[in-house]
Amino acid sequence: MTAVFITVFTGFIGLSMPYPVFSHLFLSEYSSLLPVDTVAAARTVFLGIAIALFPLGQAIASPIWGTWSDRYGRKRILIYSLALASFGMFVVAIAIYLDMLYLLLLGRLISGLGEGNIAIAQAIASDAKDETSKARNFAAISIAMNAGWIVGPLLGGVLGDNRIAAFTGPILPFWLATLMYLFNMVIVSLLIKEPDTLQDKPSAYPDYLGGILLRDQGFRAVMLLTLFSFFGTYIMFSFFAPYFVQMFNVPPAELGLYAALLSVPLILAGIYADRVNRWLGTTKMTVLALLLMAVGLATFILPDSLVWLIIPATLTAFGIVFIEVSTAIMVSDMTPKAHQGQAMGVYRSVIVSAEIIAALIGGWLAGLAPAMPYCVAAIVVLLGLPVLIPAISERMARDPA
């Protein structure tokens, strides 16, 4: 799990590092990436597209990486995916250097295709032999994700701000991300050991999940719950930086700092997620997560100063981590060992589909009013409560205890 932790950690650095940079590249009228006369509403839409292309690549690639990791081994496929992610970041760096918007968008898509490998990391976590170890592994992945959310925006905000030093600027974070993924390839090749749990693998992989998606009401319910809850998650992650720019005119370096502060409660929640799961059980933990997220998102728009955003941000952060752990456990428990990679690939694809929807709809809503994405997200998250009922019924039918 050490190499898995590093993979997820560097992956989320690569995901979150661009946010402080992109907010100014797309929203500032002084940026050369877009024409000077581009209206504000169009700028937020382009920003939403740039954010959405990364998860679009993940949505496409996650089931493929997961299935291939079941068939050909976790280690080899993980290395291939990291190489693709590194190339994507290299393309983004070149695009910023040349002020080529569409090359930047292409690079975001390529790097997202590579970063579909989070499904492999979750599959390795689900290879654990018992429920306690599985919950602990998923909590560790959540901590790695959120630690990446601390380091990524800090690096992006500081290294992407050309006022900090002569060598800093919007291109530097992407050169760094390229090198990080290459370094991660070395770590994986040295530390990852293929699990020996993938036995009796059937030849017709697609038939299994195709049947589960069509016939298993509980699995479909968990996928819909995942879609609703992660829509709220990625509204928070993707649009707090534009919200700070629109409402408080925060510069890039400070955006990175505030992103790091937001990640502190995320990590604290990850530390306690395993204990909460053992105390409440997966179902009650899911209900608690949805309520925390909805309240946090709904109240995030109320404070008129950055200081008072701490309370709603903390509520949302704990809800986000608890839902990350509980939905992953549900999916893993519903799936045989031989298909964990494929199931986690589908699960990851649904997560990043929620990220795409959040980026596109959030970009449009932010153009109408800065607070609109958060209001809509709070409502969508609450829709997960009635959706959870079929999943509970299915879980009780499988394991009455």
Foldseek 3Di string as FASTA:
>chain_A
DVLLLLLLLLLLLVLQQCQLVLLCCQQPLPHLLDDNPDDNLVSLLLSLLLNLLLLVLLLVQLLVLLVCCLVPNLLVSLLVLLLQLLVLLVQLLVCSVVSNSVSNSVSSNSNSNSSNSNLSSLLVLLLDDDDLSSLLSLLSSLLSNLSSLLNNLLCSLQQQDCVNDVNRHNSVSSNVSSVSSVVSSVVSVPPDDTDPLQPPADPPQVVVVVCCCVPPLLLVLLLLLLLLLLLLVLLVSNQPSNLCCVQPVDHSNVSSVVSNVLSPLLNVLSVCLSVVCVVPNLLVLLVQLLVLLLVLLVCCPPDSDPVVNNVSSNSNSNSVSSSSSSSSSLQSVVDDSSSSSSSSSNSSSSSSVSNSVSSNVVSNLVSVPSSRSSNVSSVSSVVSVVSCVSNVVSVCVVPVD
